[in-house]
N, C-alpha and C. Protein backbone atom coordinates (compact mmCIF):
# COMPACT_ATOMS: atom_id res chain seq x y z
N MET A 1 0.85 -1.20 0.00
CA MET A 1 0.00 0.00 0.00
C MET A 1 0.88 1.25 0.00
N PRO A 2 0.46 2.28 -0.74
CA PRO A 2 1.24 3.53 -0.71
C PRO A 2 1.36 4.03 0.72
N ASN A 3 2.55 4.52 1.08
CA ASN A 3 2.79 4.86 2.48
C ASN A 3 2.91 6.35 2.73
N ASN A 4 2.63 7.18 1.76
CA ASN A 4 2.57 8.61 2.04
C ASN A 4 1.52 9.26 1.15
N ARG A 5 1.23 10.51 1.44
CA ARG A 5 0.13 11.18 0.76
C ARG A 5 0.35 11.26 -0.75
N PHE A 6 1.55 11.58 -1.18
CA PHE A 6 1.83 11.69 -2.61
C PHE A 6 1.60 10.35 -3.31
N GLU A 7 2.11 9.28 -2.72
CA GLU A 7 1.96 7.97 -3.33
C GLU A 7 0.50 7.54 -3.36
N ARG A 8 -0.25 7.87 -2.29
CA ARG A 8 -1.68 7.53 -2.27
C ARG A 8 -2.42 8.27 -3.37
N ARG A 9 -2.15 9.55 -3.52
CA ARG A 9 -2.83 10.32 -4.56
C ARG A 9 -2.45 9.81 -5.94
N ARG A 10 -1.21 9.46 -6.11
CA ARG A 10 -0.76 8.92 -7.39
C ARG A 10 -1.49 7.61 -7.71
N ALA A 11 -1.60 6.74 -6.70
CA ALA A 11 -2.30 5.47 -6.90
C ALA A 11 -3.78 5.70 -7.18
N GLU A 12 -4.38 6.68 -6.50
CA GLU A 12 -5.79 6.99 -6.74
C GLU A 12 -6.01 7.50 -8.16
N THR A 13 -5.11 8.34 -8.64
CA THR A 13 -5.23 8.86 -10.00
C THR A 13 -5.11 7.74 -11.02
N ARG A 14 -4.12 6.89 -10.82
CA ARG A 14 -3.95 5.76 -11.74
C ARG A 14 -5.17 4.86 -11.73
N GLY A 15 -5.69 4.58 -10.53
CA GLY A 15 -6.88 3.75 -10.42
C GLY A 15 -8.08 4.36 -11.12
N ALA A 16 -8.23 5.68 -11.01
CA ALA A 16 -9.34 6.37 -11.66
C ALA A 16 -9.24 6.25 -13.18
N LEU A 17 -8.04 6.37 -13.71
CA LEU A 17 -7.84 6.23 -15.16
C LEU A 17 -8.16 4.81 -15.62
N VAL A 18 -7.73 3.83 -14.86
CA VAL A 18 -8.01 2.43 -15.22
C VAL A 18 -9.51 2.16 -15.17
N ARG A 19 -10.18 2.67 -14.14
CA ARG A 19 -11.63 2.47 -14.04
C ARG A 19 -12.35 3.12 -15.21
N ALA A 20 -11.91 4.32 -15.59
CA ALA A 20 -12.53 5.00 -16.73
C ALA A 20 -12.34 4.19 -18.00
N ALA A 21 -11.16 3.64 -18.19
CA ALA A 21 -10.91 2.81 -19.37
C ALA A 21 -11.76 1.55 -19.36
N ARG A 22 -11.93 0.95 -18.20
CA ARG A 22 -12.78 -0.24 -18.09
C ARG A 22 -14.23 0.10 -18.44
N GLN A 23 -14.70 1.24 -17.97
CA GLN A 23 -16.07 1.65 -18.30
C GLN A 23 -16.25 1.82 -19.80
N ILE A 24 -15.29 2.43 -20.45
CA ILE A 24 -15.37 2.63 -21.90
C ILE A 24 -15.37 1.28 -22.62
N LEU A 25 -14.49 0.38 -22.20
CA LEU A 25 -14.44 -0.94 -22.82
C LEU A 25 -15.76 -1.68 -22.63
N ALA A 26 -16.34 -1.57 -21.45
CA ALA A 26 -17.59 -2.27 -21.17
C ALA A 26 -18.75 -1.69 -21.96
N GLU A 27 -18.77 -0.39 -22.11
CA GLU A 27 -19.91 0.27 -22.77
C GLU A 27 -19.89 0.08 -24.28
N THR A 28 -18.73 0.26 -24.89
CA THR A 28 -18.68 0.24 -26.36
C THR A 28 -17.53 -0.60 -26.92
N GLY A 29 -16.51 -0.82 -26.14
CA GLY A 29 -15.33 -1.49 -26.65
C GLY A 29 -14.48 -0.60 -27.53
N ASP A 30 -14.88 0.65 -27.68
CA ASP A 30 -14.21 1.59 -28.58
C ASP A 30 -13.04 2.26 -27.86
N THR A 31 -11.84 2.02 -28.36
CA THR A 31 -10.66 2.59 -27.71
C THR A 31 -10.18 3.87 -28.39
N SER A 32 -11.04 4.46 -29.23
CA SER A 32 -10.63 5.68 -29.93
C SER A 32 -10.92 6.94 -29.13
N ALA A 33 -11.48 6.78 -27.93
CA ALA A 33 -11.75 7.95 -27.09
C ALA A 33 -10.47 8.74 -26.88
N SER A 34 -10.58 10.05 -26.86
CA SER A 34 -9.40 10.90 -26.67
C SER A 34 -8.90 10.81 -25.24
N ILE A 35 -7.65 11.13 -25.06
CA ILE A 35 -7.09 11.16 -23.71
C ILE A 35 -7.83 12.19 -22.86
N GLN A 36 -8.22 13.29 -23.48
CA GLN A 36 -8.98 14.31 -22.76
C GLN A 36 -10.29 13.74 -22.24
N ALA A 37 -10.99 12.97 -23.09
CA ALA A 37 -12.27 12.38 -22.69
C ALA A 37 -12.06 11.37 -21.56
N ILE A 38 -11.00 10.60 -21.66
CA ILE A 38 -10.70 9.62 -20.61
C ILE A 38 -10.40 10.32 -19.30
N ALA A 39 -9.60 11.38 -19.36
CA ALA A 39 -9.24 12.12 -18.15
C ALA A 39 -10.47 12.76 -17.52
N GLU A 40 -11.37 13.29 -18.35
CA GLU A 40 -12.59 13.90 -17.83
C GLU A 40 -13.46 12.85 -17.15
N ARG A 41 -13.58 11.69 -17.77
CA ARG A 41 -14.38 10.63 -17.16
C ARG A 41 -13.76 10.20 -15.82
N ALA A 42 -12.44 10.18 -15.78
CA ALA A 42 -11.75 9.78 -14.55
C ALA A 42 -11.71 10.90 -13.52
N ASP A 43 -12.11 12.11 -13.95
CA ASP A 43 -12.08 13.29 -13.09
C ASP A 43 -10.65 13.59 -12.62
N VAL A 44 -9.73 13.53 -13.57
CA VAL A 44 -8.34 13.90 -13.28
C VAL A 44 -7.87 14.87 -14.36
N GLY A 45 -6.81 15.57 -14.10
CA GLY A 45 -6.28 16.52 -15.07
C GLY A 45 -5.67 15.82 -16.27
N PHE A 46 -5.78 16.47 -17.42
CA PHE A 46 -5.24 15.91 -18.66
C PHE A 46 -3.77 15.56 -18.51
N GLY A 47 -3.02 16.45 -17.89
CA GLY A 47 -1.59 16.23 -17.76
C GLY A 47 -1.23 15.05 -16.88
N SER A 48 -2.19 14.61 -16.06
CA SER A 48 -1.91 13.48 -15.17
C SER A 48 -1.75 12.17 -15.93
N PHE A 49 -2.36 12.11 -17.11
CA PHE A 49 -2.36 10.85 -17.86
C PHE A 49 -0.94 10.33 -18.07
N TYR A 50 -0.07 11.22 -18.56
CA TYR A 50 1.27 10.77 -18.94
C TYR A 50 2.19 10.56 -17.74
N ASN A 51 1.70 10.86 -16.55
CA ASN A 51 2.44 10.49 -15.36
C ASN A 51 2.31 9.00 -15.05
N HIS A 52 1.34 8.36 -15.73
CA HIS A 52 1.04 6.96 -15.43
C HIS A 52 1.13 6.04 -16.63
N PHE A 53 0.81 6.56 -17.81
CA PHE A 53 0.77 5.71 -19.00
C PHE A 53 1.44 6.43 -20.18
N ASP A 54 2.12 5.64 -21.01
CA ASP A 54 2.78 6.23 -22.18
C ASP A 54 1.82 6.44 -23.34
N SER A 55 0.71 5.68 -23.33
CA SER A 55 -0.21 5.76 -24.46
C SER A 55 -1.58 5.24 -24.04
N LYS A 56 -2.59 5.50 -24.87
CA LYS A 56 -3.91 4.94 -24.63
C LYS A 56 -3.86 3.42 -24.71
N THR A 57 -3.06 2.90 -25.64
CA THR A 57 -2.94 1.45 -25.79
C THR A 57 -2.51 0.81 -24.48
N GLU A 58 -1.52 1.40 -23.84
CA GLU A 58 -1.05 0.87 -22.56
C GLU A 58 -2.15 0.95 -21.50
N LEU A 59 -2.89 2.04 -21.46
CA LEU A 59 -3.97 2.18 -20.49
C LEU A 59 -5.04 1.12 -20.70
N PHE A 60 -5.50 0.96 -21.94
CA PHE A 60 -6.58 0.00 -22.18
C PHE A 60 -6.12 -1.43 -21.93
N GLU A 61 -4.87 -1.73 -22.25
CA GLU A 61 -4.36 -3.07 -21.96
C GLU A 61 -4.30 -3.28 -20.45
N THR A 62 -3.88 -2.27 -19.71
CA THR A 62 -3.87 -2.36 -18.25
C THR A 62 -5.27 -2.58 -17.71
N ALA A 63 -6.25 -1.90 -18.30
CA ALA A 63 -7.64 -2.04 -17.86
C ALA A 63 -8.15 -3.45 -18.09
N VAL A 64 -7.79 -4.05 -19.23
CA VAL A 64 -8.21 -5.42 -19.51
C VAL A 64 -7.56 -6.39 -18.52
N VAL A 65 -6.27 -6.24 -18.30
CA VAL A 65 -5.57 -7.12 -17.36
C VAL A 65 -6.16 -6.97 -15.96
N ASP A 66 -6.51 -5.75 -15.57
CA ASP A 66 -7.13 -5.50 -14.27
C ASP A 66 -8.46 -6.25 -14.16
N ALA A 67 -9.25 -6.20 -15.22
CA ALA A 67 -10.54 -6.90 -15.22
C ALA A 67 -10.34 -8.42 -15.17
N MET A 68 -9.38 -8.93 -15.94
CA MET A 68 -9.13 -10.37 -15.95
C MET A 68 -8.69 -10.86 -14.56
N GLU A 69 -7.88 -10.05 -13.89
CA GLU A 69 -7.42 -10.44 -12.56
C GLU A 69 -8.58 -10.41 -11.56
N GLU A 70 -9.45 -9.42 -11.67
CA GLU A 70 -10.62 -9.38 -10.80
C GLU A 70 -11.50 -10.60 -11.02
N PHE A 71 -11.64 -10.99 -12.28
CA PHE A 71 -12.43 -12.18 -12.62
C PHE A 71 -11.80 -13.42 -11.97
N GLY A 72 -10.49 -13.56 -12.09
CA GLY A 72 -9.82 -14.69 -11.47
C GLY A 72 -9.95 -14.69 -9.96
N GLN A 73 -9.88 -13.52 -9.35
CA GLN A 73 -10.01 -13.43 -7.90
C GLN A 73 -11.42 -13.81 -7.45
N ALA A 74 -12.42 -13.53 -8.28
CA ALA A 74 -13.79 -13.93 -7.95
C ALA A 74 -13.88 -15.46 -7.88
N PHE A 75 -13.18 -16.14 -8.77
CA PHE A 75 -13.16 -17.60 -8.72
C PHE A 75 -12.47 -18.07 -7.44
N ASP A 76 -11.34 -17.44 -7.11
CA ASP A 76 -10.64 -17.81 -5.88
C ASP A 76 -11.55 -17.65 -4.67
N GLU A 77 -12.29 -16.56 -4.65
CA GLU A 77 -13.13 -16.24 -3.49
C GLU A 77 -14.31 -17.19 -3.36
N HIS A 78 -14.98 -17.46 -4.48
CA HIS A 78 -16.24 -18.21 -4.41
C HIS A 78 -16.07 -19.72 -4.52
N LEU A 79 -14.99 -20.17 -5.14
CA LEU A 79 -14.86 -21.60 -5.41
C LEU A 79 -13.80 -22.27 -4.55
N THR A 80 -13.28 -21.54 -3.57
CA THR A 80 -12.31 -22.13 -2.66
C THR A 80 -12.95 -23.31 -1.93
N GLY A 81 -12.19 -24.36 -1.74
CA GLY A 81 -12.72 -25.53 -1.05
C GLY A 81 -13.17 -26.63 -1.98
N ILE A 82 -13.33 -26.33 -3.28
CA ILE A 82 -13.67 -27.36 -4.26
C ILE A 82 -12.36 -28.00 -4.73
N ASP A 83 -12.22 -29.30 -4.47
CA ASP A 83 -10.97 -29.98 -4.80
C ASP A 83 -11.04 -30.75 -6.11
N ASP A 84 -12.24 -31.12 -6.53
CA ASP A 84 -12.39 -31.90 -7.77
C ASP A 84 -12.21 -30.97 -8.97
N PRO A 85 -11.20 -31.19 -9.82
CA PRO A 85 -11.00 -30.30 -10.97
C PRO A 85 -12.22 -30.23 -11.88
N ALA A 86 -12.95 -31.32 -12.01
CA ALA A 86 -14.14 -31.32 -12.86
C ALA A 86 -15.23 -30.44 -12.27
N GLU A 87 -15.40 -30.51 -10.97
CA GLU A 87 -16.39 -29.67 -10.31
C GLU A 87 -16.00 -28.20 -10.40
N LEU A 88 -14.71 -27.91 -10.34
CA LEU A 88 -14.24 -26.53 -10.50
C LEU A 88 -14.63 -25.98 -11.87
N VAL A 89 -14.48 -26.78 -12.91
CA VAL A 89 -14.86 -26.34 -14.25
C VAL A 89 -16.35 -26.02 -14.29
N ALA A 90 -17.17 -26.94 -13.80
CA ALA A 90 -18.61 -26.74 -13.86
C ALA A 90 -19.05 -25.54 -13.03
N ALA A 91 -18.53 -25.43 -11.82
CA ALA A 91 -18.91 -24.30 -10.96
C ALA A 91 -18.43 -22.99 -11.57
N GLY A 92 -17.28 -23.00 -12.23
CA GLY A 92 -16.78 -21.79 -12.87
C GLY A 92 -17.68 -21.30 -13.98
N PHE A 93 -18.23 -22.22 -14.76
CA PHE A 93 -19.17 -21.82 -15.81
C PHE A 93 -20.41 -21.19 -15.20
N ARG A 94 -20.92 -21.79 -14.15
CA ARG A 94 -22.14 -21.27 -13.54
C ARG A 94 -21.89 -19.93 -12.85
N LEU A 95 -20.73 -19.78 -12.21
CA LEU A 95 -20.37 -18.50 -11.61
C LEU A 95 -20.28 -17.42 -12.68
N SER A 96 -19.69 -17.74 -13.81
CA SER A 96 -19.55 -16.76 -14.89
C SER A 96 -20.90 -16.29 -15.40
N ALA A 97 -21.83 -17.22 -15.56
CA ALA A 97 -23.16 -16.84 -16.02
C ALA A 97 -23.84 -15.91 -15.03
N ARG A 98 -23.67 -16.16 -13.76
CA ARG A 98 -24.29 -15.31 -12.74
C ARG A 98 -23.62 -13.94 -12.66
N MET A 99 -22.31 -13.92 -12.90
CA MET A 99 -21.60 -12.64 -12.84
C MET A 99 -21.99 -11.71 -13.99
N ALA A 100 -22.53 -12.25 -15.06
CA ALA A 100 -23.03 -11.37 -16.12
C ALA A 100 -24.14 -10.48 -15.59
N ASP A 101 -24.87 -10.97 -14.59
CA ASP A 101 -25.93 -10.17 -13.96
C ASP A 101 -25.39 -9.35 -12.79
N SER A 102 -24.51 -9.94 -11.99
CA SER A 102 -24.05 -9.25 -10.78
C SER A 102 -22.88 -8.30 -11.03
N HIS A 103 -22.09 -8.56 -12.08
CA HIS A 103 -20.93 -7.72 -12.41
C HIS A 103 -20.91 -7.43 -13.91
N PRO A 104 -21.94 -6.73 -14.41
CA PRO A 104 -22.06 -6.56 -15.86
C PRO A 104 -20.89 -5.82 -16.50
N GLU A 105 -20.36 -4.80 -15.81
CA GLU A 105 -19.25 -4.06 -16.42
C GLU A 105 -18.04 -4.97 -16.61
N LEU A 106 -17.69 -5.69 -15.56
CA LEU A 106 -16.56 -6.61 -15.64
C LEU A 106 -16.75 -7.63 -16.76
N MET A 107 -17.94 -8.20 -16.83
CA MET A 107 -18.18 -9.26 -17.80
C MET A 107 -18.28 -8.73 -19.23
N GLN A 108 -18.69 -7.47 -19.38
CA GLN A 108 -18.66 -6.87 -20.72
C GLN A 108 -17.21 -6.71 -21.20
N VAL A 109 -16.31 -6.36 -20.30
CA VAL A 109 -14.90 -6.28 -20.69
C VAL A 109 -14.41 -7.66 -21.12
N LEU A 110 -14.77 -8.68 -20.35
CA LEU A 110 -14.39 -10.05 -20.70
C LEU A 110 -14.98 -10.43 -22.06
N ARG A 111 -16.23 -10.07 -22.27
CA ARG A 111 -16.92 -10.38 -23.53
C ARG A 111 -16.18 -9.76 -24.72
N ARG A 112 -15.79 -8.51 -24.58
CA ARG A 112 -15.23 -7.77 -25.71
C ARG A 112 -13.74 -8.02 -25.91
N ARG A 113 -13.01 -8.31 -24.83
CA ARG A 113 -11.55 -8.39 -24.95
C ARG A 113 -10.95 -9.68 -24.41
N GLY A 114 -11.78 -10.59 -23.95
CA GLY A 114 -11.25 -11.79 -23.30
C GLY A 114 -10.52 -12.75 -24.21
N LEU A 115 -10.90 -12.81 -25.48
CA LEU A 115 -10.30 -13.80 -26.38
C LEU A 115 -8.79 -13.64 -26.46
N GLY A 116 -8.33 -12.42 -26.48
CA GLY A 116 -6.90 -12.18 -26.57
C GLY A 116 -6.13 -12.51 -25.30
N HIS A 117 -6.86 -12.91 -24.25
CA HIS A 117 -6.20 -13.19 -22.97
C HIS A 117 -6.41 -14.64 -22.52
N ILE A 118 -6.91 -15.49 -23.42
CA ILE A 118 -7.11 -16.89 -23.05
C ILE A 118 -5.80 -17.54 -22.62
N HIS A 119 -4.70 -17.15 -23.25
CA HIS A 119 -3.41 -17.76 -22.93
C HIS A 119 -2.49 -16.82 -22.17
N ALA A 120 -3.07 -15.80 -21.55
CA ALA A 120 -2.27 -14.86 -20.78
C ALA A 120 -1.77 -15.51 -19.49
N ASP A 121 -0.68 -14.98 -18.98
CA ASP A 121 -0.10 -15.50 -17.74
C ASP A 121 -0.64 -14.74 -16.54
N ASN A 122 -1.93 -14.47 -16.54
CA ASN A 122 -2.54 -13.76 -15.42
C ASN A 122 -4.03 -14.05 -15.43
N GLY A 123 -4.73 -13.46 -14.49
CA GLY A 123 -6.17 -13.59 -14.45
C GLY A 123 -6.64 -15.03 -14.33
N LEU A 124 -7.80 -15.31 -14.93
CA LEU A 124 -8.37 -16.65 -14.85
C LEU A 124 -7.57 -17.65 -15.66
N ALA A 125 -6.94 -17.22 -16.75
CA ALA A 125 -6.22 -18.15 -17.62
C ALA A 125 -5.16 -18.93 -16.84
N ARG A 126 -4.39 -18.23 -16.05
CA ARG A 126 -3.35 -18.90 -15.26
C ARG A 126 -3.95 -19.92 -14.31
N ARG A 127 -5.06 -19.55 -13.68
CA ARG A 127 -5.70 -20.44 -12.72
C ARG A 127 -6.32 -21.64 -13.44
N ALA A 128 -6.96 -21.40 -14.59
CA ALA A 128 -7.60 -22.49 -15.32
C ALA A 128 -6.57 -23.49 -15.82
N LEU A 129 -5.44 -23.00 -16.32
CA LEU A 129 -4.39 -23.90 -16.79
C LEU A 129 -3.88 -24.76 -15.65
N ARG A 130 -3.70 -24.17 -14.49
CA ARG A 130 -3.26 -24.93 -13.31
C ARG A 130 -4.24 -26.04 -12.98
N ASP A 131 -5.54 -25.73 -12.99
CA ASP A 131 -6.55 -26.72 -12.64
C ASP A 131 -6.63 -27.82 -13.69
N LEU A 132 -6.47 -27.46 -14.96
CA LEU A 132 -6.46 -28.47 -16.02
C LEU A 132 -5.26 -29.40 -15.85
N GLU A 133 -4.11 -28.84 -15.54
CA GLU A 133 -2.90 -29.66 -15.35
C GLU A 133 -3.08 -30.62 -14.18
N VAL A 134 -3.71 -30.16 -13.11
CA VAL A 134 -3.98 -31.03 -11.96
C VAL A 134 -4.93 -32.15 -12.37
N GLY A 135 -5.99 -31.79 -13.11
CA GLY A 135 -6.96 -32.79 -13.54
C GLY A 135 -6.37 -33.83 -14.47
N ILE A 136 -5.48 -33.40 -15.35
CA ILE A 136 -4.84 -34.33 -16.28
C ILE A 136 -3.85 -35.23 -15.54
N ALA A 137 -3.06 -34.64 -14.66
CA ALA A 137 -2.06 -35.41 -13.91
C ALA A 137 -2.70 -36.44 -13.00
N SER A 138 -3.87 -36.12 -12.45
CA SER A 138 -4.55 -37.03 -11.52
C SER A 138 -5.37 -38.10 -12.23
N GLY A 139 -5.55 -37.96 -13.54
CA GLY A 139 -6.37 -38.90 -14.27
C GLY A 139 -7.84 -38.53 -14.31
N ARG A 140 -8.21 -37.44 -13.66
CA ARG A 140 -9.61 -37.00 -13.69
C ARG A 140 -10.01 -36.60 -15.11
N PHE A 141 -9.09 -35.98 -15.83
CA PHE A 141 -9.30 -35.65 -17.23
C PHE A 141 -8.43 -36.57 -18.09
N SER A 142 -8.78 -36.67 -19.36
CA SER A 142 -7.99 -37.45 -20.30
C SER A 142 -6.60 -36.84 -20.46
N ALA A 143 -5.71 -37.63 -21.03
CA ALA A 143 -4.33 -37.17 -21.25
C ALA A 143 -4.29 -36.22 -22.43
N LEU A 144 -4.67 -34.98 -22.18
CA LEU A 144 -4.75 -33.95 -23.21
C LEU A 144 -3.59 -32.97 -23.06
N ASP A 145 -3.30 -32.26 -24.14
CA ASP A 145 -2.39 -31.12 -24.04
C ASP A 145 -3.12 -30.04 -23.25
N PRO A 146 -2.63 -29.64 -22.08
CA PRO A 146 -3.38 -28.68 -21.26
C PRO A 146 -3.59 -27.34 -21.95
N VAL A 147 -2.66 -26.92 -22.80
CA VAL A 147 -2.83 -25.64 -23.50
C VAL A 147 -3.96 -25.74 -24.51
N VAL A 148 -4.06 -26.87 -25.20
CA VAL A 148 -5.17 -27.07 -26.14
C VAL A 148 -6.49 -27.14 -25.38
N ALA A 149 -6.47 -27.84 -24.24
CA ALA A 149 -7.68 -27.93 -23.42
C ALA A 149 -8.10 -26.55 -22.94
N LEU A 150 -7.13 -25.72 -22.57
CA LEU A 150 -7.44 -24.35 -22.13
C LEU A 150 -8.08 -23.56 -23.26
N THR A 151 -7.63 -23.76 -24.48
CA THR A 151 -8.21 -23.08 -25.63
C THR A 151 -9.70 -23.40 -25.75
N ALA A 152 -10.03 -24.69 -25.65
CA ALA A 152 -11.42 -25.10 -25.75
C ALA A 152 -12.25 -24.59 -24.58
N LEU A 153 -11.68 -24.69 -23.39
CA LEU A 153 -12.38 -24.24 -22.19
C LEU A 153 -12.63 -22.74 -22.23
N GLY A 154 -11.59 -21.97 -22.55
CA GLY A 154 -11.73 -20.52 -22.59
C GLY A 154 -12.68 -20.05 -23.67
N GLY A 155 -12.59 -20.67 -24.84
CA GLY A 155 -13.49 -20.28 -25.92
C GLY A 155 -14.94 -20.55 -25.59
N THR A 156 -15.20 -21.68 -24.95
CA THR A 156 -16.57 -22.01 -24.56
C THR A 156 -17.08 -21.07 -23.48
N LEU A 157 -16.22 -20.73 -22.53
CA LEU A 157 -16.62 -19.80 -21.47
C LEU A 157 -16.96 -18.43 -22.04
N LEU A 158 -16.15 -17.95 -22.98
CA LEU A 158 -16.44 -16.65 -23.60
C LEU A 158 -17.73 -16.71 -24.41
N ALA A 159 -17.99 -17.84 -25.04
CA ALA A 159 -19.25 -18.00 -25.78
C ALA A 159 -20.44 -17.94 -24.84
N LEU A 160 -20.30 -18.51 -23.64
CA LEU A 160 -21.36 -18.43 -22.64
C LEU A 160 -21.61 -16.98 -22.23
N VAL A 161 -20.54 -16.23 -22.00
CA VAL A 161 -20.68 -14.82 -21.63
C VAL A 161 -21.39 -14.05 -22.75
N GLU A 162 -20.99 -14.30 -23.98
CA GLU A 162 -21.65 -13.66 -25.12
C GLU A 162 -23.14 -14.01 -25.15
N LEU A 163 -23.45 -15.27 -24.90
CA LEU A 163 -24.85 -15.70 -24.89
C LEU A 163 -25.65 -14.94 -23.84
N ARG A 164 -25.06 -14.74 -22.65
CA ARG A 164 -25.79 -14.07 -21.58
C ARG A 164 -26.17 -12.64 -21.96
N PHE A 165 -25.31 -11.96 -22.70
CA PHE A 165 -25.61 -10.58 -23.08
C PHE A 165 -26.42 -10.51 -24.37
N ALA A 166 -26.15 -11.40 -25.32
CA ALA A 166 -26.84 -11.34 -26.61
C ALA A 166 -28.24 -11.92 -26.53
N ARG A 167 -28.45 -12.91 -25.66
CA ARG A 167 -29.76 -13.56 -25.53
C ARG A 167 -30.14 -13.63 -24.06
N PRO A 168 -30.46 -12.48 -23.45
CA PRO A 168 -30.73 -12.46 -22.01
C PRO A 168 -31.96 -13.25 -21.61
N GLU A 169 -32.81 -13.58 -22.59
CA GLU A 169 -34.01 -14.35 -22.25
C GLU A 169 -33.68 -15.82 -21.98
N VAL A 170 -32.52 -16.28 -22.40
CA VAL A 170 -32.10 -17.66 -22.16
C VAL A 170 -31.70 -17.82 -20.69
N ASP A 171 -32.15 -18.90 -20.07
CA ASP A 171 -31.81 -19.16 -18.67
C ASP A 171 -30.30 -19.35 -18.54
N GLY A 172 -29.65 -18.43 -17.84
CA GLY A 172 -28.20 -18.45 -17.78
C GLY A 172 -27.63 -19.66 -17.07
N ASP A 173 -28.24 -20.04 -15.94
CA ASP A 173 -27.69 -21.16 -15.19
C ASP A 173 -27.89 -22.46 -15.94
N GLU A 174 -29.03 -22.60 -16.60
CA GLU A 174 -29.29 -23.81 -17.37
C GLU A 174 -28.30 -23.93 -18.53
N ALA A 175 -28.05 -22.81 -19.20
CA ALA A 175 -27.09 -22.81 -20.30
C ALA A 175 -25.70 -23.15 -19.79
N ALA A 176 -25.33 -22.59 -18.63
CA ALA A 176 -24.01 -22.85 -18.06
C ALA A 176 -23.85 -24.32 -17.69
N VAL A 177 -24.89 -24.90 -17.12
CA VAL A 177 -24.85 -26.32 -16.76
C VAL A 177 -24.67 -27.18 -18.00
N ASP A 178 -25.45 -26.89 -19.04
CA ASP A 178 -25.37 -27.69 -20.27
C ASP A 178 -23.99 -27.57 -20.92
N LEU A 179 -23.46 -26.35 -20.98
CA LEU A 179 -22.13 -26.17 -21.57
C LEU A 179 -21.06 -26.84 -20.72
N ALA A 180 -21.18 -26.72 -19.41
CA ALA A 180 -20.20 -27.37 -18.52
C ALA A 180 -20.21 -28.88 -18.73
N GLU A 181 -21.40 -29.45 -18.87
CA GLU A 181 -21.50 -30.89 -19.11
C GLU A 181 -20.81 -31.28 -20.41
N MET A 182 -21.01 -30.49 -21.46
CA MET A 182 -20.35 -30.76 -22.74
C MET A 182 -18.83 -30.70 -22.61
N VAL A 183 -18.35 -29.67 -21.92
CA VAL A 183 -16.90 -29.50 -21.76
C VAL A 183 -16.32 -30.64 -20.93
N LEU A 184 -17.01 -31.06 -19.89
CA LEU A 184 -16.50 -32.16 -19.07
C LEU A 184 -16.42 -33.45 -19.86
N ARG A 185 -17.38 -33.69 -20.73
CA ARG A 185 -17.30 -34.88 -21.59
C ARG A 185 -16.11 -34.75 -22.54
N MET A 186 -15.89 -33.56 -23.05
CA MET A 186 -14.75 -33.33 -23.93
C MET A 186 -13.44 -33.59 -23.19
N LEU A 187 -13.42 -33.28 -21.90
CA LEU A 187 -12.21 -33.48 -21.09
C LEU A 187 -12.03 -34.93 -20.66
N GLY A 188 -13.01 -35.78 -20.96
CA GLY A 188 -12.83 -37.20 -20.72
C GLY A 188 -13.76 -37.84 -19.72
N LEU A 189 -14.66 -37.07 -19.10
CA LEU A 189 -15.60 -37.68 -18.16
C LEU A 189 -16.65 -38.46 -18.92
N SER A 190 -17.18 -39.49 -18.28
CA SER A 190 -18.29 -40.23 -18.88
C SER A 190 -19.53 -39.35 -18.91
N ALA A 191 -20.50 -39.74 -19.74
CA ALA A 191 -21.72 -38.95 -19.86
C ALA A 191 -22.42 -38.82 -18.51
N ASP A 192 -22.52 -39.94 -17.78
CA ASP A 192 -23.22 -39.90 -16.49
C ASP A 192 -22.46 -39.06 -15.47
N ASP A 193 -21.15 -39.20 -15.45
CA ASP A 193 -20.34 -38.44 -14.50
C ASP A 193 -20.42 -36.94 -14.80
N ALA A 194 -20.30 -36.59 -16.07
CA ALA A 194 -20.37 -35.18 -16.45
C ALA A 194 -21.72 -34.59 -16.09
N HIS A 195 -22.78 -35.35 -16.30
CA HIS A 195 -24.13 -34.88 -15.99
C HIS A 195 -24.27 -34.61 -14.49
N GLU A 196 -23.74 -35.51 -13.68
CA GLU A 196 -23.85 -35.35 -12.22
C GLU A 196 -23.00 -34.20 -11.71
N VAL A 197 -21.77 -34.12 -12.18
CA VAL A 197 -20.86 -33.08 -11.69
C VAL A 197 -21.36 -31.69 -12.05
N ALA A 198 -21.89 -31.55 -13.25
CA ALA A 198 -22.35 -30.23 -13.71
C ALA A 198 -23.52 -29.71 -12.90
N ARG A 199 -24.19 -30.61 -12.19
CA ARG A 199 -25.40 -30.23 -11.44
C ARG A 199 -25.22 -30.31 -9.93
N ARG A 200 -24.01 -30.42 -9.48
CA ARG A 200 -23.79 -30.43 -8.03
C ARG A 200 -24.17 -29.09 -7.42
N PRO A 201 -24.61 -29.10 -6.17
CA PRO A 201 -24.96 -27.83 -5.52
C PRO A 201 -23.77 -26.88 -5.52
N LEU A 202 -24.04 -25.63 -5.79
CA LEU A 202 -23.00 -24.62 -5.83
C LEU A 202 -22.71 -24.08 -4.43
N PRO A 203 -21.49 -23.64 -4.20
CA PRO A 203 -21.23 -22.88 -2.97
C PRO A 203 -21.99 -21.57 -3.02
N ASP A 204 -22.06 -20.90 -1.90
CA ASP A 204 -22.75 -19.61 -1.85
C ASP A 204 -22.03 -18.62 -2.75
N LEU A 205 -22.73 -18.12 -3.77
CA LEU A 205 -22.12 -17.21 -4.72
C LEU A 205 -22.51 -15.77 -4.48
N ASP A 206 -23.19 -15.50 -3.40
CA ASP A 206 -23.61 -14.12 -3.12
C ASP A 206 -22.44 -13.31 -2.59
């Protein structure tokens, strides 16, 4: 944590710029907004921008990474205590569907920019790869290339997020359960096992 007034104010300004960039990404995905517009939205002076970022590209990339890390931390918080890698996959899909309602700004950023971060060394990607490797090593999943498995898992998760926003009339939890069951079968679970695991009671997600 910043330990003096100057450092605190500097951190607050940087945080305000990142939040403004996240809002823009969530609302339109359009990164052509001027630095002046971003600074005004963040309620900071125009000149403050270059004290923190060299370019808009750097700011927006930082905003995406910030959102991805928050998404990963939500999994850590809500799914702690689940030891079965297959159950983690299923619960993660259902948590993501619910977060489209509870954290729409965050999930809109994921919707618009998540594909480029499926293989990033941060956020949920790092955690998902770890869980896939555990599942493969333990025999819970088939002997797959974990990076290829992550590609399929991440792509399906992003498709679920897109579905929640594009077709809000579709039951989100039901769709998440069905997709999780498909993915678990792809990872090597039997049809009956995948069906059961995908429908296990969820931890408290509130």
